[in-house]
Structure formats: C-alpha cells, structure tokens
Amino acid sequence: FLMASVLGVAEGQGLADLLGGSTRDELVQSLTSQLVGLWETGDLEFLD
C-alpha cells in the first residue's frame, strides 16, 4: 500500500485508477476490515 502511495501517478493514472477505482481512504478501510476479520475471540458454554 505504501509503495503504491509513494509511486503516486503512473503513466497518467491516479492512485484511484491503479487501485480499481478505490480512494486511498476506501482502500485503507477495506484492508483493515479484511485483516481484522481474520482474528476472533469469544466465549461459549459447555456443560454449564
């Protein structure tokens, strides 16, 4: 993500074009939700 941000514009395309139409904030939000969703902690009841 940082490399794509630093490269900025490539051959007249903006970052949003390079990332499939997503803005930087949308990409960060999407990556964050995908990564956070991989971890889970919870409770369950077994034999009281």
ModelCIF file with pLDDT and N, C-alpha, C, O atoms, coordinates in Angstrom:
data_MODEL
#
_entry.id   MODEL 
#
_entity.id                         1 
_entity.type                       polymer 
_entity.pdbx_number_of_molecules   1 
#
_entity_poly.entity_id                      1 
_entity_poly.type                           'polypeptide(L)' 
_entity_poly.nstd_linkage                   no 
_entity_poly.nstd_monomer                   no 
_entity_poly.pdbx_seq_one_letter_code       FLMASVLGVAEGQGLADLLGGSTRDELVQSLTSQLVGLWETGDLEFLD 
_entity_poly.pdbx_seq_one_letter_code_can   FLMASVLGVAEGQGLADLLGGSTRDELVQSLTSQLVGLWETGDLEFLD 
_entity_poly.pdbx_strand_id                 A 
#
loop_
_entity_poly_seq.entity_id 
_entity_poly_seq.num 
_entity_poly_seq.mon_id 
_entity_poly_seq.hetero 
1 1  PHE n 
1 2  LEU n 
1 3  MET n 
1 4  ALA n 
1 5  SER n 
1 6  VAL n 
1 7  LEU n 
1 8  GLY n 
1 9  VAL n 
1 10 ALA n 
1 11 GLU n 
1 12 GLY n 
1 13 GLN n 
1 14 GLY n 
1 15 LEU n 
1 16 ALA n 
1 17 ASP n 
1 18 LEU n 
1 19 LEU n 
1 20 GLY n 
1 21 GLY n 
1 22 SER n 
1 23 THR n 
1 24 ARG n 
1 25 ASP n 
1 26 GLU n 
1 27 LEU n 
1 28 VAL n 
1 29 GLN n 
1 30 SER n 
1 31 LEU n 
1 32 THR n 
1 33 SER n 
1 34 GLN n 
1 35 LEU n 
1 36 VAL n 
1 37 GLY n 
1 38 LEU n 
1 39 TRP n 
1 40 GLU n 
1 41 THR n 
1 42 GLY n 
1 43 ASP n 
1 44 LEU n 
1 45 GLU n 
1 46 PHE n 
1 47 LEU n 
1 48 ASP n 
#
_struct_asym.id          A 
_struct_asym.entity_id   1 
#
loop_
_ma_qa_metric.id 
_ma_qa_metric.mode 
_ma_qa_metric.name 
_ma_qa_metric.software_group_id 
_ma_qa_metric.type 
1 global pLDDT . pLDDT 
2 local  pLDDT . pLDDT 
#
_ma_qa_metric_global.metric_id      1 
_ma_qa_metric_global.metric_value   66.62 
_ma_qa_metric_global.model_id       1 
_ma_qa_metric_global.ordinal_id     1 
#
loop_
_ma_qa_metric_local.label_asym_id 
_ma_qa_metric_local.label_comp_id 
_ma_qa_metric_local.label_seq_id 
_ma_qa_metric_local.metric_id 
_ma_qa_metric_local.metric_value 
_ma_qa_metric_local.model_id 
_ma_qa_metric_local.ordinal_id 
A PHE 1  2 49.00 1 1  
A LEU 2  2 44.00 1 2  
A MET 3  2 47.00 1 3  
A ALA 4  2 48.00 1 4  
A SER 5  2 48.00 1 5  
A VAL 6  2 44.00 1 6  
A LEU 7  2 45.00 1 7  
A GLY 8  2 46.00 1 8  
A VAL 9  2 43.00 1 9  
A ALA 10 2 45.00 1 10 
A GLU 11 2 44.00 1 11 
A GLY 12 2 47.00 1 12 
A GLN 13 2 47.00 1 13 
A GLY 14 2 51.00 1 14 
A LEU 15 2 49.00 1 15 
A ALA 16 2 50.00 1 16 
A ASP 17 2 51.00 1 17 
A LEU 18 2 47.00 1 18 
A LEU 19 2 53.00 1 19 
A GLY 20 2 60.00 1 20 
A GLY 21 2 60.00 1 21 
A SER 22 2 67.00 1 22 
A THR 23 2 77.00 1 23 
A ARG 24 2 77.00 1 24 
A ASP 25 2 81.00 1 25 
A GLU 26 2 80.00 1 26 
A LEU 27 2 77.00 1 27 
A VAL 28 2 78.00 1 28 
A GLN 29 2 79.00 1 29 
A SER 30 2 79.00 1 30 
A LEU 31 2 74.00 1 31 
A THR 32 2 76.00 1 32 
A SER 33 2 75.00 1 33 
A GLN 34 2 72.00 1 34 
A LEU 35 2 71.00 1 35 
A VAL 36 2 69.00 1 36 
A GLY 37 2 71.00 1 37 
A LEU 38 2 77.00 1 38 
A TRP 39 2 83.00 1 39 
A GLU 40 2 86.00 1 40 
A THR 41 2 91.00 1 41 
A GLY 42 2 92.00 1 42 
A ASP 43 2 95.00 1 43 
A LEU 44 2 92.00 1 44 
A GLU 45 2 92.00 1 45 
A PHE 46 2 90.00 1 46 
A LEU 47 2 90.00 1 47 
A ASP 48 2 89.00 1 48 
#
loop_
_atom_site.group_PDB 
_atom_site.id 
_atom_site.type_symbol 
_atom_site.label_atom_id 
_atom_site.label_alt_id 
_atom_site.label_comp_id 
_atom_site.label_asym_id 
_atom_site.label_entity_id 
_atom_site.label_seq_id 
_atom_site.pdbx_PDB_ins_code 
_atom_site.Cartn_x 
_atom_site.Cartn_y 
_atom_site.Cartn_z 
_atom_site.occupancy 
_atom_site.B_iso_or_equiv 
_atom_site.pdbx_formal_charge 
_atom_site.auth_seq_id 
_atom_site.auth_comp_id 
_atom_site.auth_asym_id 
_atom_site.auth_atom_id 
_atom_site.pdbx_PDB_model_num 
ATOM 1   N N  . PHE A 1 1  ? 0.827   -1.196  0.000   1.00 49.00 ? 1  PHE A N  1 
ATOM 2   C CA . PHE A 1 1  ? 0.000   0.000   0.000   1.00 49.00 ? 1  PHE A CA 1 
ATOM 3   C C  . PHE A 1 1  ? 0.867   1.255   0.000   1.00 49.00 ? 1  PHE A C  1 
ATOM 4   O O  . PHE A 1 1  ? 0.618   2.194   -0.756  1.00 49.00 ? 1  PHE A O  1 
ATOM 5   N N  . LEU A 1 2  ? 1.889   1.260   0.856   1.00 44.00 ? 2  LEU A N  1 
ATOM 6   C CA . LEU A 1 2  ? 2.767   2.428   0.919   1.00 44.00 ? 2  LEU A CA 1 
ATOM 7   C C  . LEU A 1 2  ? 3.523   2.624   -0.392  1.00 44.00 ? 2  LEU A C  1 
ATOM 8   O O  . LEU A 1 2  ? 3.706   3.755   -0.842  1.00 44.00 ? 2  LEU A O  1 
ATOM 9   N N  . MET A 1 3  ? 3.958   1.532   -1.001  1.00 47.00 ? 3  MET A N  1 
ATOM 10  C CA . MET A 1 3  ? 4.670   1.628   -2.265  1.00 47.00 ? 3  MET A CA 1 
ATOM 11  C C  . MET A 1 3  ? 3.759   2.234   -3.338  1.00 47.00 ? 3  MET A C  1 
ATOM 12  O O  . MET A 1 3  ? 4.192   3.079   -4.121  1.00 47.00 ? 3  MET A O  1 
ATOM 13  N N  . ALA A 1 4  ? 2.494   1.797   -3.367  1.00 48.00 ? 4  ALA A N  1 
ATOM 14  C CA . ALA A 1 4  ? 1.556   2.365   -4.338  1.00 48.00 ? 4  ALA A CA 1 
ATOM 15  C C  . ALA A 1 4  ? 1.317   3.837   -4.052  1.00 48.00 ? 4  ALA A C  1 
ATOM 16  O O  . ALA A 1 4  ? 1.150   4.631   -4.979  1.00 48.00 ? 4  ALA A O  1 
ATOM 17  N N  . SER A 1 5  ? 1.299   4.212   -2.771  1.00 48.00 ? 5  SER A N  1 
ATOM 18  C CA . SER A 1 5  ? 1.092   5.616   -2.409  1.00 48.00 ? 5  SER A CA 1 
ATOM 19  C C  . SER A 1 5  ? 2.278   6.476   -2.816  1.00 48.00 ? 5  SER A C  1 
ATOM 20  O O  . SER A 1 5  ? 2.100   7.590   -3.309  1.00 48.00 ? 5  SER A O  1 
ATOM 21  N N  . VAL A 1 6  ? 3.489   5.964   -2.613  1.00 44.00 ? 6  VAL A N  1 
ATOM 22  C CA . VAL A 1 6  ? 4.696   6.725   -2.932  1.00 44.00 ? 6  VAL A CA 1 
ATOM 23  C C  . VAL A 1 6  ? 4.864   6.873   -4.433  1.00 44.00 ? 6  VAL A C  1 
ATOM 24  O O  . VAL A 1 6  ? 5.303   7.918   -4.912  1.00 44.00 ? 6  VAL A O  1 
ATOM 25  N N  . LEU A 1 7  ? 4.515   5.832   -5.175  1.00 45.00 ? 7  LEU A N  1 
ATOM 26  C CA . LEU A 1 7  ? 4.665   5.893   -6.626  1.00 45.00 ? 7  LEU A CA 1 
ATOM 27  C C  . LEU A 1 7  ? 3.745   6.950   -7.234  1.00 45.00 ? 7  LEU A C  1 
ATOM 28  O O  . LEU A 1 7  ? 4.035   7.511   -8.291  1.00 45.00 ? 7  LEU A O  1 
ATOM 29  N N  . GLY A 1 8  ? 2.628   7.212   -6.544  1.00 46.00 ? 8  GLY A N  1 
ATOM 30  C CA . GLY A 1 8  ? 1.746   8.281   -6.998  1.00 46.00 ? 8  GLY A CA 1 
ATOM 31  C C  . GLY A 1 8  ? 1.145   7.997   -8.356  1.00 46.00 ? 8  GLY A C  1 
ATOM 32  O O  . GLY A 1 8  ? 0.341   7.077   -8.504  1.00 46.00 ? 8  GLY A O  1 
ATOM 33  N N  . VAL A 1 9  ? 1.522   8.767   -9.331  1.00 43.00 ? 9  VAL A N  1 
ATOM 34  C CA . VAL A 1 9  ? 0.926   8.705   -10.657 1.00 43.00 ? 9  VAL A CA 1 
ATOM 35  C C  . VAL A 1 9  ? 1.825   7.881   -11.570 1.00 43.00 ? 9  VAL A C  1 
ATOM 36  O O  . VAL A 1 9  ? 3.029   8.124   -11.657 1.00 43.00 ? 9  VAL A O  1 
ATOM 37  N N  . ALA A 1 10 ? 1.229   6.906   -12.249 1.00 45.00 ? 10 ALA A N  1 
ATOM 38  C CA . ALA A 1 10 ? 1.982   6.088   -13.200 1.00 45.00 ? 10 ALA A CA 1 
ATOM 39  C C  . ALA A 1 10 ? 1.310   6.194   -14.554 1.00 45.00 ? 10 ALA A C  1 
ATOM 40  O O  . ALA A 1 10 ? 0.156   5.798   -14.714 1.00 45.00 ? 10 ALA A O  1 
ATOM 41  N N  . GLU A 1 11 ? 2.012   6.714   -15.504 1.00 44.00 ? 11 GLU A N  1 
ATOM 42  C CA . GLU A 1 11 ? 1.526   6.862   -16.868 1.00 44.00 ? 11 GLU A CA 1 
ATOM 43  C C  . GLU A 1 11 ? 0.172   7.568   -16.921 1.00 44.00 ? 11 GLU A C  1 
ATOM 44  O O  . GLU A 1 11 ? -0.729  7.131   -17.636 1.00 44.00 ? 11 GLU A O  1 
ATOM 45  N N  . GLY A 1 12 ? 0.029   8.655   -16.170 1.00 47.00 ? 12 GLY A N  1 
ATOM 46  C CA . GLY A 1 12 ? -1.178  9.464   -16.234 1.00 47.00 ? 12 GLY A CA 1 
ATOM 47  C C  . GLY A 1 12 ? -2.339  8.929   -15.428 1.00 47.00 ? 12 GLY A C  1 
ATOM 48  O O  . GLY A 1 12 ? -3.425  9.507   -15.463 1.00 47.00 ? 12 GLY A O  1 
ATOM 49  N N  . GLN A 1 13 ? -2.141  7.825   -14.692 1.00 47.00 ? 13 GLN A N  1 
ATOM 50  C CA . GLN A 1 13 ? -3.215  7.279   -13.887 1.00 47.00 ? 13 GLN A CA 1 
ATOM 51  C C  . GLN A 1 13 ? -3.046  7.741   -12.442 1.00 47.00 ? 13 GLN A C  1 
ATOM 52  O O  . GLN A 1 13 ? -1.930  7.787   -11.922 1.00 47.00 ? 13 GLN A O  1 
ATOM 53  N N  . GLY A 1 14 ? -4.149  8.080   -11.806 1.00 51.00 ? 14 GLY A N  1 
ATOM 54  C CA . GLY A 1 14 ? -4.121  8.427   -10.394 1.00 51.00 ? 14 GLY A CA 1 
ATOM 55  C C  . GLY A 1 14 ? -4.130  7.166   -9.557  1.00 51.00 ? 14 GLY A C  1 
ATOM 56  O O  . GLY A 1 14 ? -4.332  6.067   -10.074 1.00 51.00 ? 14 GLY A O  1 
ATOM 57  N N  . LEU A 1 15 ? -3.913  7.328   -8.277  1.00 49.00 ? 15 LEU A N  1 
ATOM 58  C CA . LEU A 1 15 ? -3.898  6.185   -7.368  1.00 49.00 ? 15 LEU A CA 1 
ATOM 59  C C  . LEU A 1 15 ? -5.239  5.455   -7.382  1.00 49.00 ? 15 LEU A C  1 
ATOM 60  O O  . LEU A 1 15 ? -5.278  4.226   -7.314  1.00 49.00 ? 15 LEU A O  1 
ATOM 61  N N  . ALA A 1 16 ? -6.327  6.197   -7.468  1.00 50.00 ? 16 ALA A N  1 
ATOM 62  C CA . ALA A 1 16 ? -7.651  5.564   -7.504  1.00 50.00 ? 16 ALA A CA 1 
ATOM 63  C C  . ALA A 1 16 ? -7.791  4.658   -8.723  1.00 50.00 ? 16 ALA A C  1 
ATOM 64  O O  . ALA A 1 16 ? -8.392  3.588   -8.632  1.00 50.00 ? 16 ALA A O  1 
ATOM 65  N N  . ASP A 1 17 ? -7.233  5.082   -9.880  1.00 51.00 ? 17 ASP A N  1 
ATOM 66  C CA . ASP A 1 17 ? -7.286  4.237   -11.078 1.00 51.00 ? 17 ASP A CA 1 
ATOM 67  C C  . ASP A 1 17 ? -6.457  2.975   -10.892 1.00 51.00 ? 17 ASP A C  1 
ATOM 68  O O  . ASP A 1 17 ? -6.862  1.890   -11.307 1.00 51.00 ? 17 ASP A O  1 
ATOM 69  N N  . LEU A 1 18 ? -5.288  3.123   -10.264 1.00 47.00 ? 18 LEU A N  1 
ATOM 70  C CA . LEU A 1 18 ? -4.417  1.970   -10.046 1.00 47.00 ? 18 LEU A CA 1 
ATOM 71  C C  . LEU A 1 18 ? -5.028  0.958   -9.084  1.00 47.00 ? 18 LEU A C  1 
ATOM 72  O O  . LEU A 1 18 ? -4.753  -0.238  -9.175  1.00 47.00 ? 18 LEU A O  1 
ATOM 73  N N  . LEU A 1 19 ? -5.853  1.438   -8.168  1.00 53.00 ? 19 LEU A N  1 
ATOM 74  C CA . LEU A 1 19 ? -6.431  0.572   -7.143  1.00 53.00 ? 19 LEU A CA 1 
ATOM 75  C C  . LEU A 1 19 ? -7.860  0.162   -7.468  1.00 53.00 ? 19 LEU A C  1 
ATOM 76  O O  . LEU A 1 19 ? -8.629  -0.164  -6.564  1.00 53.00 ? 19 LEU A O  1 
ATOM 77  N N  . GLY A 1 20 ? -8.217  0.174   -8.711  1.00 60.00 ? 20 GLY A N  1 
ATOM 78  C CA . GLY A 1 20 ? -9.534  -0.286  -9.135  1.00 60.00 ? 20 GLY A CA 1 
ATOM 79  C C  . GLY A 1 20 ? -10.649 0.673   -8.774  1.00 60.00 ? 20 GLY A C  1 
ATOM 80  O O  . GLY A 1 20 ? -11.766 0.238   -8.492  1.00 60.00 ? 20 GLY A O  1 
ATOM 81  N N  . GLY A 1 21 ? -10.375 1.956   -8.777  1.00 60.00 ? 21 GLY A N  1 
ATOM 82  C CA . GLY A 1 21 ? -11.399 2.950   -8.506  1.00 60.00 ? 21 GLY A CA 1 
ATOM 83  C C  . GLY A 1 21 ? -11.544 3.302   -7.042  1.00 60.00 ? 21 GLY A C  1 
ATOM 84  O O  . GLY A 1 21 ? -12.330 4.190   -6.711  1.00 60.00 ? 21 GLY A O  1 
ATOM 85  N N  . SER A 1 22 ? -10.828 2.651   -6.159  1.00 67.00 ? 22 SER A N  1 
ATOM 86  C CA . SER A 1 22 ? -10.927 2.941   -4.732  1.00 67.00 ? 22 SER A CA 1 
ATOM 87  C C  . SER A 1 22 ? -10.046 4.126   -4.377  1.00 67.00 ? 22 SER A C  1 
ATOM 88  O O  . SER A 1 22 ? -8.944  4.274   -4.905  1.00 67.00 ? 22 SER A O  1 
ATOM 89  N N  . THR A 1 23 ? -10.533 4.960   -3.489  1.00 77.00 ? 23 THR A N  1 
ATOM 90  C CA . THR A 1 23 ? -9.700  6.042   -2.983  1.00 77.00 ? 23 THR A CA 1 
ATOM 91  C C  . THR A 1 23 ? -8.776  5.470   -1.926  1.00 77.00 ? 23 THR A C  1 
ATOM 92  O O  . THR A 1 23 ? -8.940  4.327   -1.500  1.00 77.00 ? 23 THR A O  1 
ATOM 93  N N  . ARG A 1 24 ? -7.829  6.245   -1.514  1.00 77.00 ? 24 ARG A N  1 
ATOM 94  C CA . ARG A 1 24 ? -6.871  5.808   -0.505  1.00 77.00 ? 24 ARG A CA 1 
ATOM 95  C C  . ARG A 1 24 ? -7.594  5.436   0.791   1.00 77.00 ? 24 ARG A C  1 
ATOM 96  O O  . ARG A 1 24 ? -7.310  4.395   1.382   1.00 77.00 ? 24 ARG A O  1 
ATOM 97  N N  . ASP A 1 25 ? -8.520  6.279   1.231   1.00 81.00 ? 25 ASP A N  1 
ATOM 98  C CA . ASP A 1 25 ? -9.263  6.006   2.470   1.00 81.00 ? 25 ASP A CA 1 
ATOM 99  C C  . ASP A 1 25 ? -10.107 4.743   2.348   1.00 81.00 ? 25 ASP A C  1 
ATOM 100 O O  . ASP A 1 25 ? -10.180 3.957   3.292   1.00 81.00 ? 25 ASP A O  1 
ATOM 101 N N  . GLU A 1 26 ? -10.741 4.540   1.204   1.00 80.00 ? 26 GLU A N  1 
ATOM 102 C CA . GLU A 1 26 ? -11.540 3.337   0.994   1.00 80.00 ? 26 GLU A CA 1 
ATOM 103 C C  . GLU A 1 26 ? -10.666 2.092   1.019   1.00 80.00 ? 26 GLU A C  1 
ATOM 104 O O  . GLU A 1 26 ? -11.054 1.060   1.567   1.00 80.00 ? 26 GLU A O  1 
ATOM 105 N N  . LEU A 1 27 ? -9.481  2.195   0.420   1.00 77.00 ? 27 LEU A N  1 
ATOM 106 C CA . LEU A 1 27 ? -8.564  1.060   0.408   1.00 77.00 ? 27 LEU A CA 1 
ATOM 107 C C  . LEU A 1 27 ? -8.093  0.725   1.816   1.00 77.00 ? 27 LEU A C  1 
ATOM 108 O O  . LEU A 1 27 ? -8.071  -0.444  2.201   1.00 77.00 ? 27 LEU A O  1 
ATOM 109 N N  . VAL A 1 28 ? -7.720  1.734   2.582   1.00 78.00 ? 28 VAL A N  1 
ATOM 110 C CA . VAL A 1 28 ? -7.272  1.512   3.963   1.00 78.00 ? 28 VAL A CA 1 
ATOM 111 C C  . VAL A 1 28 ? -8.388  0.867   4.770   1.00 78.00 ? 28 VAL A C  1 
ATOM 112 O O  . VAL A 1 28 ? -8.146  -0.082  5.517   1.00 78.00 ? 28 VAL A O  1 
ATOM 113 N N  . GLN A 1 29 ? -9.603  1.372   4.627   1.00 79.00 ? 29 GLN A N  1 
ATOM 114 C CA . GLN A 1 29 ? -10.733 0.816   5.357   1.00 79.00 ? 29 GLN A CA 1 
ATOM 115 C C  . GLN A 1 29 ? -11.000 -0.629  4.938   1.00 79.00 ? 29 GLN A C  1 
ATOM 116 O O  . GLN A 1 29 ? -11.266 -1.483  5.783   1.00 79.00 ? 29 GLN A O  1 
ATOM 117 N N  . SER A 1 30 ? -10.931 -0.897  3.655   1.00 79.00 ? 30 SER A N  1 
ATOM 118 C CA . SER A 1 30 ? -11.163 -2.247  3.160   1.00 79.00 ? 30 SER A CA 1 
ATOM 119 C C  . SER A 1 30 ? -10.097 -3.225  3.648   1.00 79.00 ? 30 SER A C  1 
ATOM 120 O O  . SER A 1 30 ? -10.422 -4.319  4.111   1.00 79.00 ? 30 SER A O  1 
ATOM 121 N N  . LEU A 1 31 ? -8.817  -2.831  3.544   1.00 74.00 ? 31 LEU A N  1 
ATOM 122 C CA . LEU A 1 31 ? -7.732  -3.691  4.025   1.00 74.00 ? 31 LEU A CA 1 
ATOM 123 C C  . LEU A 1 31 ? -7.848  -3.944  5.518   1.00 74.00 ? 31 LEU A C  1 
ATOM 124 O O  . LEU A 1 31 ? -7.655  -5.069  5.978   1.00 74.00 ? 31 LEU A O  1 
ATOM 125 N N  . THR A 1 32 ? -8.161  -2.908  6.270   1.00 76.00 ? 32 THR A N  1 
ATOM 126 C CA . THR A 1 32 ? -8.275  -3.038  7.716   1.00 76.00 ? 32 THR A CA 1 
ATOM 127 C C  . THR A 1 32 ? -9.376  -4.015  8.093   1.00 76.00 ? 32 THR A C  1 
ATOM 128 O O  . THR A 1 32 ? -9.169  -4.884  8.939   1.00 76.00 ? 32 THR A O  1 
ATOM 129 N N  . SER A 1 33 ? -10.548 -3.883  7.475   1.00 75.00 ? 33 SER A N  1 
ATOM 130 C CA . SER A 1 33 ? -11.651 -4.785  7.824   1.00 75.00 ? 33 SER A CA 1 
ATOM 131 C C  . SER A 1 33 ? -11.336 -6.222  7.420   1.00 75.00 ? 33 SER A C  1 
ATOM 132 O O  . SER A 1 33 ? -11.717 -7.153  8.129   1.00 75.00 ? 33 SER A O  1 
ATOM 133 N N  . GLN A 1 34 ? -10.652 -6.419  6.304   1.00 72.00 ? 34 GLN A N  1 
ATOM 134 C CA . GLN A 1 34 ? -10.285 -7.768  5.885   1.00 72.00 ? 34 GLN A CA 1 
ATOM 135 C C  . GLN A 1 34 ? -9.289  -8.395  6.847   1.00 72.00 ? 34 GLN A C  1 
ATOM 136 O O  . GLN A 1 34 ? -9.423  -9.565  7.206   1.00 72.00 ? 34 GLN A O  1 
ATOM 137 N N  . LEU A 1 35 ? -8.289  -7.624  7.267   1.00 71.00 ? 35 LEU A N  1 
ATOM 138 C CA . LEU A 1 35 ? -7.260  -8.159  8.163   1.00 71.00 ? 35 LEU A CA 1 
ATOM 139 C C  . LEU A 1 35 ? -7.802  -8.413  9.562   1.00 71.00 ? 35 LEU A C  1 
ATOM 140 O O  . LEU A 1 35 ? -7.511  -9.450  10.158  1.00 71.00 ? 35 LEU A O  1 
ATOM 141 N N  . VAL A 1 36 ? -8.583  -7.482  10.093  1.00 69.00 ? 36 VAL A N  1 
ATOM 142 C CA . VAL A 1 36 ? -9.131  -7.635  11.433  1.00 69.00 ? 36 VAL A CA 1 
ATOM 143 C C  . VAL A 1 36 ? -10.082 -8.821  11.492  1.00 69.00 ? 36 VAL A C  1 
ATOM 144 O O  . VAL A 1 36 ? -10.154 -9.498  12.517  1.00 69.00 ? 36 VAL A O  1 
ATOM 145 N N  . GLY A 1 37 ? -10.807 -9.083  10.424  1.00 71.00 ? 37 GLY A N  1 
ATOM 146 C CA . GLY A 1 37 ? -11.755 -10.183 10.387  1.00 71.00 ? 37 GLY A CA 1 
ATOM 147 C C  . GLY A 1 37 ? -11.111 -11.564 10.443  1.00 71.00 ? 37 GLY A C  1 
ATOM 148 O O  . GLY A 1 37 ? -11.813 -12.562 10.603  1.00 71.00 ? 37 GLY A O  1 
ATOM 149 N N  . LEU A 1 38 ? -9.795  -11.638 10.315  1.00 77.00 ? 38 LEU A N  1 
ATOM 150 C CA . LEU A 1 38 ? -9.113  -12.925 10.366  1.00 77.00 ? 38 LEU A CA 1 
ATOM 151 C C  . LEU A 1 38 ? -8.949  -13.424 11.799  1.00 77.00 ? 38 LEU A C  1 
ATOM 152 O O  . LEU A 1 38 ? -8.815  -14.628 12.017  1.00 77.00 ? 38 LEU A O  1 
ATOM 153 N N  . TRP A 1 39 ? -8.957  -12.519 12.777  1.00 83.00 ? 39 TRP A N  1 
ATOM 154 C CA . TRP A 1 39 ? -8.818  -12.870 14.185  1.00 83.00 ? 39 TRP A CA 1 
ATOM 155 C C  . TRP A 1 39 ? -10.197 -12.906 14.824  1.00 83.00 ? 39 TRP A C  1 
ATOM 156 O O  . TRP A 1 39 ? -11.082 -12.137 14.449  1.00 83.00 ? 39 TRP A O  1 
ATOM 157 N N  . GLU A 1 40 ? -10.379 -13.798 15.788  1.00 86.00 ? 40 GLU A N  1 
ATOM 158 C CA . GLU A 1 40 ? -11.642 -13.831 16.514  1.00 86.00 ? 40 GLU A CA 1 
ATOM 159 C C  . GLU A 1 40 ? -11.403 -14.420 17.905  1.00 86.00 ? 40 GLU A C  1 
ATOM 160 O O  . GLU A 1 40 ? -10.626 -15.360 18.071  1.00 86.00 ? 40 GLU A O  1 
ATOM 161 N N  . THR A 1 41 ? -12.072 -13.861 18.878  1.00 91.00 ? 41 THR A N  1 
ATOM 162 C CA . THR A 1 41 ? -12.052 -14.357 20.248  1.00 91.00 ? 41 THR A CA 1 
ATOM 163 C C  . THR A 1 41 ? -13.480 -14.317 20.765  1.00 91.00 ? 41 THR A C  1 
ATOM 164 O O  . THR A 1 41 ? -14.216 -13.368 20.495  1.00 91.00 ? 41 THR A O  1 
ATOM 165 N N  . GLY A 1 42 ? -13.872 -15.338 21.501  1.00 92.00 ? 42 GLY A N  1 
ATOM 166 C CA . GLY A 1 42 ? -15.227 -15.350 22.012  1.00 92.00 ? 42 GLY A CA 1 
ATOM 167 C C  . GLY A 1 42 ? -15.405 -16.361 23.129  1.00 92.00 ? 42 GLY A C  1 
ATOM 168 O O  . GLY A 1 42 ? -14.462 -17.045 23.529  1.00 92.00 ? 42 GLY A O  1 
ATOM 169 N N  . ASP A 1 43 ? -16.621 -16.442 23.621  1.00 95.00 ? 43 ASP A N  1 
ATOM 170 C CA . ASP A 1 43 ? -16.965 -17.369 24.690  1.00 95.00 ? 43 ASP A CA 1 
ATOM 171 C C  . ASP A 1 43 ? -18.086 -18.275 24.235  1.00 95.00 ? 43 ASP A C  1 
ATOM 172 O O  . ASP A 1 43 ? -18.885 -17.914 23.371  1.00 95.00 ? 43 ASP A O  1 
ATOM 173 N N  . LEU A 1 44 ? -18.138 -19.466 24.832  1.00 92.00 ? 44 LEU A N  1 
ATOM 174 C CA . LEU A 1 44 ? -19.218 -20.403 24.597  1.00 92.00 ? 44 LEU A CA 1 
ATOM 175 C C  . LEU A 1 44 ? -19.455 -21.183 25.875  1.00 92.00 ? 44 LEU A C  1 
ATOM 176 O O  . LEU A 1 44 ? -18.580 -21.255 26.739  1.00 92.00 ? 44 LEU A O  1 
ATOM 177 N N  . GLU A 1 45 ? -20.628 -21.762 25.994  1.00 92.00 ? 45 GLU A N  1 
ATOM 178 C CA . GLU A 1 45 ? -20.955 -22.531 27.191  1.00 92.00 ? 45 GLU A CA 1 
ATOM 179 C C  . GLU A 1 45 ? -20.880 -24.020 26.868  1.00 92.00 ? 45 GLU A C  1 
ATOM 180 O O  . GLU A 1 45 ? -21.425 -24.485 25.867  1.00 92.00 ? 45 GLU A O  1 
ATOM 181 N N  . PHE A 1 46 ? -20.196 -24.754 27.737  1.00 90.00 ? 46 PHE A N  1 
ATOM 182 C CA . PHE A 1 46 ? -20.081 -26.197 27.560  1.00 90.00 ? 46 PHE A CA 1 
ATOM 183 C C  . PHE A 1 46 ? -20.266 -26.857 28.923  1.00 90.00 ? 46 PHE A C  1 
ATOM 184 O O  . PHE A 1 46 ? -19.475 -26.623 29.837  1.00 90.00 ? 46 PHE A O  1 
ATOM 185 N N  . LEU A 1 47 ? -21.293 -27.671 29.066  1.00 90.00 ? 47 LEU A N  1 
ATOM 186 C CA . LEU A 1 47 ? -21.602 -28.375 30.310  1.00 90.00 ? 47 LEU A CA 1 
ATOM 187 C C  . LEU A 1 47 ? -21.638 -27.424 31.508  1.00 90.00 ? 47 LEU A C  1 
ATOM 188 O O  . LEU A 1 47 ? -21.043 -27.698 32.550  1.00 90.00 ? 47 LEU A O  1 
ATOM 189 N N  . ASP A 1 48 ? -22.334 -26.320 31.346  1.00 89.00 ? 48 ASP A N  1 
ATOM 190 C CA . ASP A 1 48 ? -22.507 -25.297 32.391  1.00 89.00 ? 48 ASP A CA 1 
ATOM 191 C C  . ASP A 1 48 ? -21.210 -24.591 32.783  1.00 89.00 ? 48 ASP A C  1 
ATOM 192 O O  . ASP A 1 48 ? -21.222 -23.714 33.647  1.00 89.00 ? 48 ASP A O  1 
#
